[in-house]
Amino acid sequence: MRYIVDLIARYQSAWGFVSGTLAGEAEGLANAGIFKAGIAFNEAKWKGRNGNEAKYDAPVYAPTDWTWAEMVMKHEGKEMNFSFGSLKENSTGVFAPPPLMRFRRTKNITVTVIDGGNEAEVVENFGVNSWEIELDGLVVDMDEHGYPGEKVKLLAEFFEINDVIDVACPLLLDLGIRSIYFREQSFEPVEGFPDTVKYSLVAKSIKPAVFSLIQ
């Protein structure tokens, strides 16, 4: 049995706000449709009263393409697909909606202070450290509206992989991130929604080490 799931209400309960991505995907089409319908109604009234051609023409730009947030995690034969398919009544192969993502990184810099100088220092060994990535999302039982134990178990098992995880996501690729490894994980029930569990993941980006052979 399938149910219509209001994910926006679940995001509001979990974090107290609705992400622009989720709201845009879930409500953008509806708002654009309502706006367009209003234009059509007014156009019909104008034609009926005046017998003229349409007077107004307003193009609608709906933020419907949020595929940049969709993500796939892979390790050997295991794959987890985080997509908006569940909002479009096509959840086949979709583990959960895309998580909210935050990124942070620092530079690896060596600073040598020179004695006797005011603000005198030597900065060397510039380098960029790996990205610290925070992923916050929801897992929902889309079928029976019960506790999503199977999805929680799968996500917990995926975290236990002691290896590098391949990721495919337009946003991550734009930041040069193709592989990550996990550092922290947590789960938390969402108040008012027994079929929903909030999860958090902390990961770091990783790139293959490059060595130079000196003869």
Protein backbone atom coordinates (compact mmCIF):
# COMPACT_ATOMS: atom_id res chain seq x y z
CA MET A 1 0.00 0.00 0.00
CA ARG A 2 1.26 3.49 -0.88
CA TYR A 3 0.62 6.70 1.01
CA ILE A 4 1.09 10.37 0.24
CA VAL A 5 3.83 11.55 2.60
CA ASP A 6 4.14 15.20 3.61
CA LEU A 7 7.91 15.52 3.88
CA ILE A 8 7.80 19.29 4.41
CA ALA A 9 6.02 18.85 7.74
CA ARG A 10 8.63 16.28 8.77
CA TYR A 11 11.50 18.65 7.94
CA GLN A 12 9.81 21.39 9.95
CA SER A 13 9.46 19.06 12.94
CA ALA A 14 13.04 17.80 12.66
CA TRP A 15 14.85 21.13 12.18
CA GLY A 16 12.26 23.85 12.73
CA PHE A 17 12.51 25.07 9.15
CA VAL A 18 12.09 23.85 5.60
CA SER A 19 15.12 23.82 3.32
CA GLY A 20 14.87 25.91 0.19
CA THR A 21 15.68 22.84 -1.86
CA LEU A 22 12.88 20.73 -0.46
CA ALA A 23 10.37 23.56 -0.46
CA GLY A 24 11.27 24.49 -4.00
CA GLU A 25 10.85 20.94 -5.24
CA ALA A 26 7.64 20.20 -3.36
CA GLU A 27 5.94 23.58 -3.61
CA GLY A 28 7.52 25.23 -6.65
CA LEU A 29 5.43 23.28 -9.11
CA ALA A 30 2.24 23.83 -7.13
CA ASN A 31 2.80 27.57 -6.71
CA ALA A 32 3.73 27.97 -10.35
CA GLY A 33 0.62 26.06 -11.36
CA ILE A 34 -1.63 28.21 -9.18
CA PHE A 35 -0.01 31.39 -10.53
CA LYS A 36 -0.38 30.23 -14.12
CA ALA A 37 -3.98 29.21 -13.49
CA GLY A 38 -4.71 32.70 -12.15
CA ILE A 39 -3.26 34.26 -15.28
CA ALA A 40 -5.35 31.98 -17.48
CA PHE A 41 -8.52 32.86 -15.52
CA ASN A 42 -7.91 36.59 -15.84
CA GLU A 43 -7.10 36.21 -19.53
CA ALA A 44 -10.39 34.41 -20.11
CA LYS A 45 -12.31 37.19 -18.30
CA TRP A 46 -10.53 39.84 -20.34
CA LYS A 47 -11.37 38.15 -23.63
CA GLY A 48 -14.99 37.58 -22.62
CA ARG A 49 -15.59 41.19 -21.65
CA ASN A 50 -13.73 42.92 -24.43
CA GLY A 51 -13.61 40.42 -27.25
CA ASN A 52 -9.96 41.23 -27.64
CA GLU A 53 -6.78 39.27 -27.71
CA ALA A 54 -4.99 38.46 -24.48
CA LYS A 55 -3.54 41.53 -22.85
CA TYR A 56 -1.17 39.98 -20.35
CA ASP A 57 1.56 37.43 -20.85
CA ALA A 58 3.71 36.54 -17.85
CA PRO A 59 6.25 33.73 -18.18
CA VAL A 60 6.62 31.48 -15.13
CA TYR A 61 10.02 30.40 -13.91
CA ALA A 62 9.68 27.57 -11.41
CA PRO A 63 12.73 26.32 -9.49
CA THR A 64 12.01 22.70 -10.31
CA ASP A 65 15.45 21.42 -11.26
CA TRP A 66 17.10 20.51 -7.97
CA THR A 67 19.02 17.51 -9.29
CA TRP A 68 22.24 19.16 -8.12
CA ALA A 69 21.34 18.01 -4.58
CA GLU A 70 20.62 14.39 -5.47
CA MET A 71 23.35 11.96 -4.45
CA VAL A 72 24.42 8.36 -4.85
CA MET A 73 26.82 6.62 -2.44
CA LYS A 74 28.53 3.44 -3.63
CA HIS A 75 30.82 0.83 -2.16
CA GLU A 76 31.47 -2.35 -4.06
CA GLY A 77 28.01 -3.92 -4.56
CA LYS A 78 26.16 -1.60 -2.17
CA GLU A 79 24.44 1.56 -3.32
CA MET A 80 22.31 4.20 -1.61
CA ASN A 81 20.32 6.63 -3.73
CA PHE A 82 19.24 9.94 -2.16
CA SER A 83 16.79 11.49 -4.59
CA PHE A 84 13.59 13.52 -4.87
CA GLY A 85 11.89 10.57 -6.53
CA SER A 86 9.87 10.02 -3.36
CA LEU A 87 8.28 13.42 -3.85
CA LYS A 88 7.35 12.59 -7.41
CA GLU A 89 5.60 9.28 -6.64
CA ASN A 90 8.50 7.35 -8.11
CA SER A 91 10.48 6.02 -5.18
CA THR A 92 11.77 2.84 -6.83
CA GLY A 93 15.38 2.43 -5.77
CA VAL A 94 15.31 5.66 -3.72
CA PHE A 95 16.60 5.26 -0.18
CA ALA A 96 15.66 8.74 1.07
CA PRO A 97 15.36 12.38 -0.07
CA PRO A 98 18.68 14.25 -0.44
CA PRO A 99 20.14 15.31 2.90
CA LEU A 100 20.88 18.87 3.94
CA MET A 101 24.61 19.35 3.40
CA ARG A 102 27.15 21.69 4.97
CA PHE A 103 30.81 21.98 3.98
CA ARG A 104 33.83 23.35 5.78
CA ARG A 105 37.58 23.17 5.23
CA THR A 106 40.73 24.93 6.32
CA LYS A 107 44.17 25.61 4.91
CA ASN A 108 47.33 23.88 6.06
CA ILE A 109 49.71 26.78 6.63
CA THR A 110 53.01 27.02 8.47
CA VAL A 111 53.70 30.43 10.02
CA THR A 112 57.12 31.38 11.41
CA VAL A 113 57.23 34.51 13.60
CA ILE A 114 60.34 36.67 13.24
CA ASP A 115 61.79 37.94 16.51
CA GLY A 116 61.83 41.67 17.04
CA GLY A 117 59.49 42.48 14.21
CA ASN A 118 56.04 44.01 14.39
CA GLU A 119 53.62 41.76 12.58
CA ALA A 120 56.66 40.18 10.93
CA GLU A 121 56.14 36.56 10.00
CA VAL A 122 56.96 34.12 7.27
CA VAL A 123 54.10 32.13 5.82
CA GLU A 124 54.96 28.95 3.98
CA ASN A 125 53.71 25.48 3.13
CA PHE A 126 50.36 26.58 1.77
CA GLY A 127 47.97 23.70 1.31
CA VAL A 128 44.27 22.92 1.43
CA ASN A 129 42.90 20.41 3.91
CA SER A 130 40.08 18.00 3.09
CA TRP A 131 36.45 19.01 3.30
CA GLU A 132 34.48 18.35 6.47
CA ILE A 133 30.96 17.41 5.42
CA GLU A 134 27.81 17.31 7.56
CA LEU A 135 24.80 15.43 6.19
CA ASP A 136 21.40 15.77 7.90
CA GLY A 137 18.42 13.90 6.51
CA LEU A 138 15.31 11.84 7.09
CA VAL A 139 14.42 8.22 6.48
CA VAL A 140 10.69 7.56 6.12
CA ASP A 141 8.62 4.42 5.79
CA MET A 142 6.87 5.34 2.54
CA ASP A 143 4.86 2.11 2.37
CA GLU A 144 3.32 1.20 5.73
CA HIS A 145 3.87 4.34 7.82
CA GLY A 146 5.61 2.34 10.52
CA TYR A 147 9.02 2.66 12.13
CA PRO A 148 11.56 2.64 9.24
CA GLY A 149 13.74 0.02 10.92
CA GLU A 150 15.07 -1.52 7.72
CA LYS A 151 16.33 1.81 6.41
CA VAL A 152 17.88 2.70 9.76
CA LYS A 153 19.63 -0.67 9.78
CA LEU A 154 20.91 -0.23 6.21
CA LEU A 155 22.25 3.25 6.96
CA ALA A 156 23.95 2.01 10.14
CA GLU A 157 25.56 -0.86 8.21
CA PHE A 158 26.73 1.52 5.50
CA PHE A 159 28.41 3.68 8.13
CA GLU A 160 30.29 0.64 9.44
CA ILE A 161 32.14 0.21 6.14
CA ASN A 162 35.79 0.78 6.96
CA ASP A 163 36.73 2.00 3.53
CA VAL A 164 36.38 4.93 1.17
CA ILE A 165 32.87 5.58 -0.18
CA ASP A 166 32.42 6.76 -3.77
CA VAL A 167 29.91 9.60 -4.13
CA ALA A 168 28.19 11.06 -7.17
CA CYS A 169 26.45 14.39 -6.69
CA PRO A 170 26.67 17.56 -8.84
CA LEU A 171 27.24 19.75 -5.78
CA LEU A 172 30.02 17.50 -4.45
CA LEU A 173 31.64 17.22 -7.87
CA ASP A 174 31.71 21.03 -8.16
CA LEU A 175 33.75 21.05 -4.93
CA GLY A 176 36.08 18.37 -6.27
CA ILE A 177 34.68 15.67 -3.96
CA ARG A 178 34.41 12.18 -5.40
CA SER A 179 35.21 10.04 -2.38
CA ILE A 180 34.48 10.34 1.33
CA TYR A 181 34.84 8.40 4.56
CA PHE A 182 32.55 8.52 7.57
CA ARG A 183 33.52 9.76 11.03
CA GLU A 184 30.30 10.17 13.04
CA GLN A 185 26.69 9.04 12.88
CA SER A 186 23.56 9.67 14.94
CA PHE A 187 19.84 8.90 14.83
CA GLU A 188 16.91 10.71 16.44
CA PRO A 189 13.13 10.15 16.27
CA VAL A 190 11.06 12.97 14.79
CA GLU A 191 8.35 14.19 17.17
CA GLY A 192 4.87 13.59 15.85
CA PHE A 193 5.94 11.23 13.06
CA PRO A 194 6.50 7.62 14.19
CA ASP A 195 7.32 6.63 10.61
CA THR A 196 10.29 9.03 10.40
CA VAL A 197 13.81 9.01 11.85
CA LYS A 198 16.27 11.87 11.60
CA TYR A 199 19.90 10.95 10.90
CA SER A 200 23.18 12.85 10.88
CA LEU A 201 26.47 11.89 9.26
CA VAL A 202 29.85 13.56 9.52
CA ALA A 203 32.27 12.72 6.75
CA LYS A 204 35.53 13.94 5.25
CA SER A 205 36.57 14.10 1.64
CA ILE A 206 39.58 12.11 0.54
CA LYS A 207 41.75 11.98 -2.56
CA PRO A 208 44.32 9.37 -3.64
CA ALA A 209 47.79 10.07 -2.30
CA VAL A 210 50.29 11.07 -4.96
CA PHE A 211 53.97 10.20 -4.52
CA SER A 212 57.00 11.30 -6.49
CA LEU A 213 59.77 8.77 -6.94
CA ILE A 214 63.21 10.40 -6.60
CA GLN A 215 66.14 8.45 -7.98
